[in-house]
Every structure is written in C-alpha cells, then in structure tokens.
C-alpha cells in the first residue's frame, strides 16, 4: 500500500465541496479526541480545559487515584508533546513543563530516592521550561513555582537540588 503525501491530500481536498469538507472535519472531530482538543484550543479561545486534561495525564502517572504511581516519564513527556502540538499558548506550555517537574519532585518526596536517570530527566525538563520561560519573558508568572521546586529538592540526592538551583539562579536572579 502506497502512503499518501501531503500533496496527494491537498489534491483530494481541492476536489471536495465545502459541504464535503465540513462533513469530513466534523467526522474527524467526532471520532478522534485529539482533533477535539485541537479545535478546543483553536476555536474555544480557552485553553485551560485542554491543558488540565494533559496535566491530569501527568499527575496520574505519578499519583493515580488508585494504587501507586508508575512514574513512566515517557507517558508524562508524551502528554507535554501532545499538548505542545495543539496549543499556541506559551503560558500553558510553560505551565505543563513546570507541572511535570513538580510531580516528579513530589513523587520523590513521597516515595523516596529514585535514580539518576529520573533526576536527569527532571532536570532536563526544568532547564527546558526555564529557557522557554525566559525566551517568552514570562518569568513573573512562574518565579514562585520555580523556586518552590528548588526548595522542595533540598534533601534529594544525585546533585539534583544543586542542578535545579543553578538553573533557577541563572534565569531569575541575574
């Protein structure tokens, strides 16, 4: 089976009537949650509901309503990636990245020391968030949460606290 290209898709769409296109997009909207989320952010002008949905996915990885969290970082990072693909809101993306780190820190403080790769992943996301926040000039919106993350890591090993502290001071205290 030959995979269609974007060019093929555009040719197909050009041949359809406006009504056909409306029906096709409506069908996609009805069938696929991702399409609903996309149009919620695009047309709803209120990204908060979609942002919360993806934050809930992250929180559920660390603190599910039943049982213990699995802390599958790949699942939590995918939620960030999926959200980023559909939302133009810079504040929302910064929020979800910081939330990921907050959940990782809370998980560590609740269940004890994890491992170096876990902390490297958290530190990497924190660095990505800090850079994003700085690049978009939204430090005032996130300063309190970012310093709280640093404060909440004081008793965590693997140099985690020091790494986050250095990143924080480079961004917020220069």
N, C-alpha and C. Protein backbone atom coordinates (compact mmCIF):
# COMPACT_ATOMS: atom_id res chain seq x y z
N UNK A 1 0.85 -1.18 0.00
CA UNK A 1 0.00 0.00 0.00
C UNK A 1 0.88 1.23 0.00
N UNK A 2 0.61 2.12 -0.92
CA UNK A 2 1.40 3.34 -1.06
C UNK A 2 0.89 4.39 -0.07
N UNK A 3 1.82 5.00 0.65
CA UNK A 3 1.47 6.04 1.61
C UNK A 3 1.21 7.34 0.85
N UNK A 4 0.13 8.02 1.23
CA UNK A 4 -0.18 9.27 0.53
C UNK A 4 0.70 10.39 1.08
N UNK A 5 0.92 11.37 0.25
CA UNK A 5 1.72 12.53 0.63
C UNK A 5 0.80 13.71 0.92
N UNK A 6 1.36 14.75 1.47
CA UNK A 6 0.59 15.97 1.71
C UNK A 6 0.06 16.53 0.40
N UNK A 7 0.86 16.43 -0.64
CA UNK A 7 0.43 16.89 -1.96
C UNK A 7 -0.81 16.12 -2.41
N UNK A 8 -0.80 14.79 -2.23
CA UNK A 8 -1.97 13.98 -2.61
C UNK A 8 -3.19 14.38 -1.80
N UNK A 9 -2.99 14.61 -0.54
CA UNK A 9 -4.10 15.02 0.33
C UNK A 9 -4.68 16.35 -0.13
N UNK A 10 -3.81 17.30 -0.43
CA UNK A 10 -4.29 18.62 -0.88
C UNK A 10 -5.08 18.51 -2.18
N UNK A 11 -4.61 17.68 -3.08
CA UNK A 11 -5.33 17.46 -4.34
C UNK A 11 -6.72 16.88 -4.07
N UNK A 12 -6.78 15.91 -3.18
CA UNK A 12 -8.06 15.29 -2.81
C UNK A 12 -8.99 16.34 -2.21
N UNK A 13 -8.48 17.14 -1.30
CA UNK A 13 -9.32 18.15 -0.62
C UNK A 13 -9.81 19.22 -1.59
N UNK A 14 -8.99 19.60 -2.55
CA UNK A 14 -9.38 20.62 -3.53
C UNK A 14 -10.56 20.15 -4.38
N UNK A 15 -10.69 18.85 -4.54
CA UNK A 15 -11.76 18.30 -5.36
C UNK A 15 -13.08 18.17 -4.59
N UNK A 16 -13.05 18.39 -3.32
CA UNK A 16 -14.24 18.25 -2.49
C UNK A 16 -14.97 19.59 -2.37
N UNK A 17 -16.26 19.50 -2.20
CA UNK A 17 -17.07 20.70 -1.99
C UNK A 17 -16.88 21.18 -0.55
N UNK A 18 -17.32 22.40 -0.32
CA UNK A 18 -17.24 22.95 1.04
C UNK A 18 -18.03 22.08 2.01
N UNK A 19 -19.19 21.63 1.59
CA UNK A 19 -20.03 20.78 2.44
C UNK A 19 -19.34 19.44 2.74
N UNK A 20 -18.69 18.86 1.72
CA UNK A 20 -17.94 17.60 1.94
C UNK A 20 -16.82 17.81 2.96
N UNK A 21 -16.13 18.93 2.85
CA UNK A 21 -15.03 19.21 3.78
C UNK A 21 -15.55 19.40 5.20
N UNK A 22 -16.66 20.11 5.31
CA UNK A 22 -17.27 20.30 6.64
C UNK A 22 -17.66 18.95 7.23
N UNK A 23 -18.27 18.09 6.42
CA UNK A 23 -18.66 16.76 6.91
C UNK A 23 -17.45 15.93 7.30
N UNK A 24 -16.40 16.01 6.51
CA UNK A 24 -15.20 15.22 6.80
C UNK A 24 -14.53 15.68 8.10
N UNK A 25 -14.40 16.98 8.27
CA UNK A 25 -13.79 17.51 9.50
C UNK A 25 -14.68 17.23 10.70
N UNK A 26 -15.99 17.34 10.50
CA UNK A 26 -16.93 17.01 11.60
C UNK A 26 -16.79 15.56 12.01
N UNK A 27 -16.60 14.69 11.03
CA UNK A 27 -16.41 13.27 11.32
C UNK A 27 -15.13 13.02 12.11
N UNK A 28 -14.07 13.69 11.71
CA UNK A 28 -12.80 13.57 12.46
C UNK A 28 -12.97 14.07 13.89
N UNK A 29 -13.69 15.17 14.02
CA UNK A 29 -13.95 15.75 15.34
C UNK A 29 -14.71 14.76 16.22
N UNK A 30 -15.68 14.08 15.64
CA UNK A 30 -16.49 13.12 16.40
C UNK A 30 -15.71 11.87 16.78
N UNK A 31 -14.77 11.44 15.95
CA UNK A 31 -14.07 10.18 16.15
C UNK A 31 -12.80 10.29 16.99
N UNK A 32 -12.11 11.39 16.91
CA UNK A 32 -10.77 11.48 17.49
C UNK A 32 -10.68 12.56 18.56
N UNK A 33 -10.37 12.14 19.76
CA UNK A 33 -10.23 13.05 20.90
C UNK A 33 -9.17 14.13 20.63
N UNK A 34 -8.11 13.75 19.97
CA UNK A 34 -7.02 14.69 19.67
C UNK A 34 -7.54 15.83 18.78
N UNK A 35 -8.39 15.51 17.83
CA UNK A 35 -8.96 16.54 16.95
C UNK A 35 -9.87 17.47 17.76
N UNK A 36 -10.64 16.89 18.69
CA UNK A 36 -11.48 17.72 19.56
C UNK A 36 -10.63 18.69 20.38
N UNK A 37 -9.54 18.17 20.94
CA UNK A 37 -8.65 19.02 21.73
C UNK A 37 -8.06 20.14 20.88
N UNK A 38 -7.67 19.79 19.66
CA UNK A 38 -7.09 20.79 18.75
C UNK A 38 -8.08 21.93 18.51
N UNK A 39 -9.31 21.58 18.17
CA UNK A 39 -10.29 22.62 17.89
C UNK A 39 -10.74 23.35 19.16
N UNK A 40 -10.67 22.68 20.29
CA UNK A 40 -10.97 23.37 21.56
C UNK A 40 -9.97 24.51 21.77
N UNK A 41 -8.71 24.25 21.51
CA UNK A 41 -7.70 25.30 21.71
C UNK A 41 -7.77 26.35 20.60
N UNK A 42 -8.10 25.92 19.40
CA UNK A 42 -8.12 26.84 18.26
C UNK A 42 -9.37 27.72 18.25
N UNK A 43 -10.52 27.14 18.54
CA UNK A 43 -11.78 27.88 18.45
C UNK A 43 -12.32 28.31 19.80
N UNK A 44 -12.02 27.56 20.84
CA UNK A 44 -12.56 27.84 22.15
C UNK A 44 -11.95 29.05 22.82
N UNK A 45 -10.78 29.44 22.36
CA UNK A 45 -10.06 30.56 22.95
C UNK A 45 -9.84 30.37 24.45
N UNK A 46 -10.13 29.16 24.92
CA UNK A 46 -9.92 28.85 26.32
C UNK A 46 -9.17 27.53 26.38
N UNK A 47 -7.90 27.65 26.59
CA UNK A 47 -7.00 26.51 26.56
C UNK A 47 -7.01 25.75 27.89
N UNK A 48 -7.60 26.31 28.93
CA UNK A 48 -7.49 25.76 30.28
C UNK A 48 -8.02 24.33 30.38
N UNK A 49 -9.11 24.03 29.73
CA UNK A 49 -9.70 22.70 29.81
C UNK A 49 -8.77 21.65 29.18
N UNK A 50 -8.21 21.97 28.03
CA UNK A 50 -7.30 21.05 27.35
C UNK A 50 -6.01 20.92 28.15
N UNK A 51 -5.49 22.02 28.65
CA UNK A 51 -4.29 21.99 29.48
C UNK A 51 -4.50 21.08 30.69
N UNK A 52 -5.64 21.21 31.34
CA UNK A 52 -5.93 20.39 32.52
C UNK A 52 -5.99 18.91 32.17
N UNK A 53 -6.53 18.59 31.02
CA UNK A 53 -6.61 17.20 30.59
C UNK A 53 -5.21 16.58 30.50
N UNK A 54 -4.27 17.32 29.92
CA UNK A 54 -2.92 16.79 29.76
C UNK A 54 -2.15 16.82 31.08
N UNK A 55 -2.44 17.77 31.93
CA UNK A 55 -1.84 17.77 33.27
C UNK A 55 -2.36 16.58 34.08
N UNK A 56 -3.62 16.23 33.88
CA UNK A 56 -4.19 15.06 34.57
C UNK A 56 -3.48 13.77 34.15
N UNK A 57 -3.10 13.67 32.89
CA UNK A 57 -2.36 12.50 32.41
C UNK A 57 -1.03 12.41 33.16
N UNK A 58 -0.36 13.53 33.30
CA UNK A 58 0.92 13.56 34.02
C UNK A 58 0.71 13.20 35.48
N UNK A 59 -0.24 13.83 36.11
CA UNK A 59 -0.48 13.56 37.53
C UNK A 59 -0.83 12.10 37.76
N UNK A 60 -1.60 11.52 36.86
CA UNK A 60 -1.99 10.13 37.01
C UNK A 60 -0.79 9.18 36.91
N UNK A 61 0.25 9.57 36.22
CA UNK A 61 1.46 8.75 36.14
C UNK A 61 2.18 8.71 37.49
N UNK A 62 2.09 9.80 38.22
CA UNK A 62 2.79 9.88 39.50
C UNK A 62 1.87 9.56 40.69
N UNK A 63 0.65 10.04 40.62
CA UNK A 63 -0.30 9.88 41.73
C UNK A 63 -1.68 9.52 41.22
N UNK A 64 -1.85 8.25 40.81
CA UNK A 64 -3.18 7.84 40.33
C UNK A 64 -4.18 7.82 41.48
N UNK A 65 -5.45 7.83 41.15
CA UNK A 65 -6.48 7.81 42.19
C UNK A 65 -6.48 6.48 42.94
N UNK A 66 -5.99 5.42 42.30
CA UNK A 66 -5.89 4.11 42.95
C UNK A 66 -4.48 3.56 42.75
N UNK A 67 -3.95 2.99 43.78
CA UNK A 67 -2.64 2.35 43.68
C UNK A 67 -1.49 3.34 43.71
N UNK A 68 -0.34 2.83 43.32
CA UNK A 68 0.88 3.65 43.32
C UNK A 68 1.19 4.11 41.91
N UNK A 69 1.81 5.27 41.82
CA UNK A 69 2.19 5.81 40.53
C UNK A 69 3.28 4.98 39.88
N UNK A 70 3.23 4.89 38.57
CA UNK A 70 4.25 4.15 37.83
C UNK A 70 5.40 5.06 37.44
N UNK A 71 5.17 6.36 37.42
CA UNK A 71 6.18 7.36 37.08
C UNK A 71 6.85 7.04 35.74
N UNK A 72 6.03 6.64 34.77
CA UNK A 72 6.57 6.41 33.42
C UNK A 72 6.78 7.77 32.77
N UNK A 73 8.03 8.19 32.75
CA UNK A 73 8.35 9.52 32.24
C UNK A 73 7.99 9.65 30.77
N UNK A 74 8.07 8.55 30.03
CA UNK A 74 7.72 8.61 28.61
C UNK A 74 6.25 8.99 28.42
N UNK A 75 5.37 8.48 29.25
CA UNK A 75 3.95 8.81 29.17
C UNK A 75 3.73 10.27 29.53
N UNK A 76 4.37 10.72 30.59
CA UNK A 76 4.23 12.11 31.03
C UNK A 76 4.80 13.09 29.99
N UNK A 77 5.94 12.73 29.42
CA UNK A 77 6.54 13.60 28.40
C UNK A 77 5.70 13.63 27.13
N UNK A 78 5.07 12.51 26.80
CA UNK A 78 4.19 12.48 25.63
C UNK A 78 3.01 13.41 25.82
N UNK A 79 2.50 13.51 27.04
CA UNK A 79 1.40 14.44 27.32
C UNK A 79 1.85 15.87 27.03
N UNK A 80 3.06 16.21 27.40
CA UNK A 80 3.60 17.55 27.13
C UNK A 80 3.72 17.75 25.62
N UNK A 81 4.28 16.77 24.94
CA UNK A 81 4.46 16.86 23.50
C UNK A 81 3.12 16.99 22.76
N UNK A 82 2.15 16.18 23.17
CA UNK A 82 0.83 16.25 22.54
C UNK A 82 0.19 17.61 22.77
N UNK A 83 0.30 18.11 23.97
CA UNK A 83 -0.26 19.43 24.28
C UNK A 83 0.43 20.51 23.44
N UNK A 84 1.74 20.43 23.34
CA UNK A 84 2.51 21.43 22.61
C UNK A 84 2.11 21.47 21.13
N UNK A 85 1.77 20.33 20.56
CA UNK A 85 1.41 20.26 19.15
C UNK A 85 0.11 21.00 18.84
N UNK A 86 -0.74 21.13 19.83
CA UNK A 86 -2.05 21.72 19.53
C UNK A 86 -2.30 23.09 20.13
N UNK A 87 -1.49 23.51 21.06
CA UNK A 87 -1.79 24.77 21.74
C UNK A 87 -0.77 25.85 21.45
N UNK A 88 -1.25 27.02 21.07
CA UNK A 88 -0.34 28.13 20.82
C UNK A 88 0.02 28.92 22.09
N UNK A 89 -0.57 28.58 23.21
CA UNK A 89 -0.40 29.38 24.43
C UNK A 89 0.95 29.10 25.08
N UNK A 90 1.82 30.10 25.10
CA UNK A 90 3.14 29.91 25.70
C UNK A 90 3.03 29.68 27.21
N UNK A 91 2.08 30.34 27.85
CA UNK A 91 1.91 30.16 29.29
C UNK A 91 1.50 28.72 29.62
N UNK A 92 0.65 28.14 28.80
CA UNK A 92 0.21 26.78 29.01
C UNK A 92 1.34 25.77 28.87
N UNK A 93 2.19 25.97 27.88
CA UNK A 93 3.31 25.06 27.70
C UNK A 93 4.29 25.17 28.86
N UNK A 94 4.58 26.38 29.28
CA UNK A 94 5.45 26.56 30.44
C UNK A 94 4.82 25.92 31.67
N UNK A 95 3.54 26.10 31.84
CA UNK A 95 2.82 25.54 32.98
C UNK A 95 2.94 24.02 33.02
N UNK A 96 2.71 23.35 31.90
CA UNK A 96 2.73 21.89 31.90
C UNK A 96 4.14 21.34 32.09
N UNK A 97 5.15 22.05 31.57
CA UNK A 97 6.53 21.59 31.78
C UNK A 97 6.91 21.72 33.26
N UNK A 98 6.55 22.84 33.87
CA UNK A 98 6.84 23.03 35.30
C UNK A 98 6.04 22.01 36.12
N UNK A 99 4.81 21.75 35.73
CA UNK A 99 3.98 20.78 36.43
C UNK A 99 4.62 19.39 36.41
N UNK A 100 5.19 19.00 35.30
CA UNK A 100 5.89 17.72 35.18
C UNK A 100 6.98 17.61 36.25
N UNK A 101 7.78 18.67 36.38
CA UNK A 101 8.86 18.66 37.37
C UNK A 101 8.29 18.66 38.79
N UNK A 102 7.24 19.44 39.01
CA UNK A 102 6.61 19.46 40.34
C UNK A 102 6.14 18.06 40.73
N UNK A 103 5.53 17.35 39.79
CA UNK A 103 5.05 16.00 40.09
C UNK A 103 6.22 15.05 40.37
N UNK A 104 7.32 15.19 39.63
CA UNK A 104 8.49 14.36 39.86
C UNK A 104 9.11 14.61 41.23
N UNK A 105 9.17 15.86 41.63
CA UNK A 105 9.70 16.22 42.95
C UNK A 105 8.78 15.71 44.05
N UNK A 106 7.48 15.90 43.86
CA UNK A 106 6.51 15.43 44.84
C UNK A 106 6.57 13.90 44.97
N UNK A 107 6.73 13.21 43.86
CA UNK A 107 6.83 11.75 43.85
C UNK A 107 8.06 11.30 44.65
N UNK A 108 9.18 11.95 44.40
CA UNK A 108 10.41 11.62 45.13
C UNK A 108 10.25 11.86 46.62
N UNK A 109 9.67 12.99 46.98
CA UNK A 109 9.49 13.29 48.40
C UNK A 109 8.48 12.37 49.07
N UNK A 110 7.55 11.83 48.29
CA UNK A 110 6.56 10.91 48.85
C UNK A 110 7.08 9.48 48.97
N UNK A 111 7.86 9.03 47.99
CA UNK A 111 8.25 7.62 47.94
C UNK A 111 9.74 7.38 48.13
N UNK A 112 10.54 8.42 48.27
CA UNK A 112 11.96 8.22 48.49
C UNK A 112 12.79 8.35 47.22
N UNK A 113 14.07 8.22 47.41
CA UNK A 113 15.04 8.40 46.34
C UNK A 113 14.72 7.51 45.14
N UNK A 114 14.87 8.05 43.95
CA UNK A 114 14.59 7.29 42.73
C UNK A 114 15.95 6.85 42.15
N UNK A 115 16.34 7.40 41.01
CA UNK A 115 17.63 7.08 40.41
C UNK A 115 18.12 8.24 39.56
N UNK A 116 19.36 8.16 39.18
CA UNK A 116 19.98 9.27 38.45
C UNK A 116 19.28 9.58 37.13
N UNK A 117 18.93 8.59 36.31
CA UNK A 117 18.22 8.92 35.06
C UNK A 117 16.91 9.68 35.30
N UNK A 118 16.20 9.32 36.36
CA UNK A 118 14.95 10.02 36.70
C UNK A 118 15.25 11.49 36.97
N UNK A 119 16.26 11.75 37.79
CA UNK A 119 16.60 13.14 38.12
C UNK A 119 17.16 13.89 36.92
N UNK A 120 17.91 13.20 36.08
CA UNK A 120 18.41 13.84 34.87
C UNK A 120 17.26 14.29 33.98
N UNK A 121 16.23 13.45 33.89
CA UNK A 121 15.07 13.80 33.09
C UNK A 121 14.33 15.00 33.68
N UNK A 122 14.17 15.00 34.99
CA UNK A 122 13.51 16.13 35.66
C UNK A 122 14.30 17.41 35.47
N UNK A 123 15.61 17.31 35.64
CA UNK A 123 16.46 18.49 35.49
C UNK A 123 16.44 19.00 34.06
N UNK A 124 16.44 18.09 33.11
CA UNK A 124 16.38 18.47 31.70
C UNK A 124 15.07 19.21 31.38
N UNK A 125 13.95 18.71 31.92
CA UNK A 125 12.67 19.38 31.68
C UNK A 125 12.64 20.74 32.37
N UNK A 126 13.21 20.81 33.56
CA UNK A 126 13.26 22.08 34.29
C UNK A 126 14.07 23.09 33.47
N UNK A 127 15.19 22.64 32.94
CA UNK A 127 16.03 23.53 32.12
C UNK A 127 15.27 23.98 30.87
N UNK A 128 14.59 23.06 30.23
CA UNK A 128 13.79 23.39 29.04
C UNK A 128 12.71 24.41 29.40
N UNK A 129 12.05 24.20 30.53
CA UNK A 129 11.00 25.12 30.97
C UNK A 129 11.57 26.50 31.28
N UNK A 130 12.67 26.52 32.00
CA UNK A 130 13.31 27.80 32.36
C UNK A 130 13.70 28.58 31.11
N UNK A 131 14.30 27.88 30.14
CA UNK A 131 14.69 28.54 28.89
C UNK A 131 13.45 29.07 28.16
N UNK A 132 12.41 28.26 28.11
CA UNK A 132 11.17 28.67 27.46
C UNK A 132 10.57 29.90 28.15
N UNK A 133 10.55 29.86 29.46
CA UNK A 133 10.01 30.98 30.25
C UNK A 133 10.80 32.25 29.99
N UNK A 134 12.10 32.12 29.98
CA UNK A 134 12.97 33.28 29.73
C UNK A 134 12.78 33.80 28.31
N UNK A 135 12.78 32.89 27.34
CA UNK A 135 12.62 33.29 25.93
C UNK A 135 11.31 34.03 25.69
N UNK A 136 10.27 33.69 26.45
CA UNK A 136 8.96 34.32 26.27
C UNK A 136 8.69 35.45 27.27
N UNK A 137 9.67 35.75 28.10
CA UNK A 137 9.54 36.88 29.03
C UNK A 137 8.41 36.73 30.04
N UNK A 138 8.19 35.51 30.50
CA UNK A 138 7.07 35.27 31.43
C UNK A 138 7.58 34.80 32.80
N UNK A 139 8.76 35.29 33.18
CA UNK A 139 9.37 34.89 34.46
C UNK A 139 8.47 35.21 35.64
N UNK A 140 7.81 36.36 35.61
CA UNK A 140 6.98 36.77 36.74
C UNK A 140 5.85 35.77 37.01
N UNK A 141 5.36 35.14 35.96
CA UNK A 141 4.25 34.19 36.11
C UNK A 141 4.69 32.89 36.79
N UNK A 142 5.99 32.55 36.69
CA UNK A 142 6.44 31.23 37.13
C UNK A 142 7.53 31.25 38.19
N UNK A 143 7.95 32.41 38.60
CA UNK A 143 9.05 32.51 39.55
C UNK A 143 8.74 31.77 40.86
N UNK A 144 7.59 31.96 41.41
CA UNK A 144 7.23 31.34 42.69
C UNK A 144 7.24 29.82 42.59
N UNK A 145 6.67 29.28 41.53
CA UNK A 145 6.65 27.82 41.36
C UNK A 145 8.04 27.27 41.12
N UNK A 146 8.85 28.00 40.38
CA UNK A 146 10.20 27.52 40.08
C UNK A 146 11.08 27.49 41.33
N UNK A 147 10.98 28.50 42.20
CA UNK A 147 11.79 28.49 43.42
C UNK A 147 11.26 27.43 44.38
N UNK A 148 9.95 27.19 44.39
CA UNK A 148 9.40 26.14 45.26
C UNK A 148 9.94 24.77 44.88
N UNK A 149 10.09 24.52 43.60
CA UNK A 149 10.69 23.27 43.14
C UNK A 149 12.09 23.13 43.73
N UNK A 150 12.87 24.19 43.64
CA UNK A 150 14.24 24.16 44.17
C UNK A 150 14.21 23.90 45.67
N UNK A 151 13.35 24.62 46.38
CA UNK A 151 13.25 24.45 47.84
C UNK A 151 12.83 23.03 48.22
N UNK A 152 11.94 22.44 47.42
CA UNK A 152 11.42 21.10 47.73
C UNK A 152 12.42 19.98 47.42
N UNK A 153 13.56 20.33 46.83
CA UNK A 153 14.56 19.31 46.48
C UNK A 153 15.78 19.33 47.39
N UNK A 154 15.74 20.11 48.44
CA UNK A 154 16.91 20.26 49.33
C UNK A 154 17.44 18.92 49.81
N UNK A 155 16.59 17.98 50.14
CA UNK A 155 17.04 16.70 50.71
C UNK A 155 17.12 15.56 49.69
N UNK A 156 17.10 15.91 48.40
CA UNK A 156 17.17 14.89 47.36
C UNK A 156 18.61 14.78 46.87
N UNK A 157 19.05 13.56 46.65
CA UNK A 157 20.44 13.31 46.25
C UNK A 157 20.71 13.46 44.78
N UNK A 158 21.80 12.86 44.33
CA UNK A 158 22.26 12.83 42.95
C UNK A 158 22.61 14.21 42.39
N UNK A 159 22.82 15.21 43.24
CA UNK A 159 23.13 16.56 42.77
C UNK A 159 21.93 17.26 42.16
N UNK A 160 20.75 16.68 42.37
CA UNK A 160 19.52 17.20 41.77
C UNK A 160 19.24 18.62 42.23
N UNK A 161 19.27 18.84 43.54
CA UNK A 161 19.00 20.16 44.09
C UNK A 161 19.99 21.20 43.54
N UNK A 162 21.25 20.86 43.52
CA UNK A 162 22.26 21.81 43.04
C UNK A 162 22.03 22.18 41.58
N UNK A 163 21.71 21.19 40.77
CA UNK A 163 21.46 21.46 39.36
C UNK A 163 20.27 22.38 39.15
N UNK A 164 19.17 22.10 39.85
CA UNK A 164 17.99 22.94 39.72
C UNK A 164 18.24 24.34 40.27
N UNK A 165 18.96 24.41 41.37
CA UNK A 165 19.27 25.69 41.98
C UNK A 165 20.08 26.56 41.03
N UNK A 166 21.09 25.98 40.40
CA UNK A 166 21.90 26.73 39.44
C UNK A 166 21.06 27.24 38.28
N UNK A 167 20.20 26.40 37.76
CA UNK A 167 19.33 26.81 36.66
C UNK A 167 18.40 27.95 37.09
N UNK A 168 17.84 27.83 38.27
CA UNK A 168 16.94 28.86 38.77
C UNK A 168 17.65 30.21 38.86
N UNK A 169 18.80 30.21 39.49
CA UNK A 169 19.51 31.48 39.70
C UNK A 169 20.02 32.09 38.40
N UNK A 170 20.34 31.26 37.42
CA UNK A 170 20.74 31.78 36.11
C UNK A 170 19.57 32.51 35.44
N UNK A 171 18.38 32.01 35.64
CA UNK A 171 17.20 32.58 34.98
C UNK A 171 16.59 33.74 35.74
N UNK A 172 16.40 33.56 37.04
CA UNK A 172 15.59 34.51 37.81
C UNK A 172 16.39 35.50 38.63
N UNK A 173 17.64 35.24 38.90
CA UNK A 173 18.38 36.12 39.80
C UNK A 173 19.56 36.81 39.13
N UNK A 174 19.50 36.98 37.82
CA UNK A 174 20.59 37.66 37.11
C UNK A 174 20.26 39.09 36.83
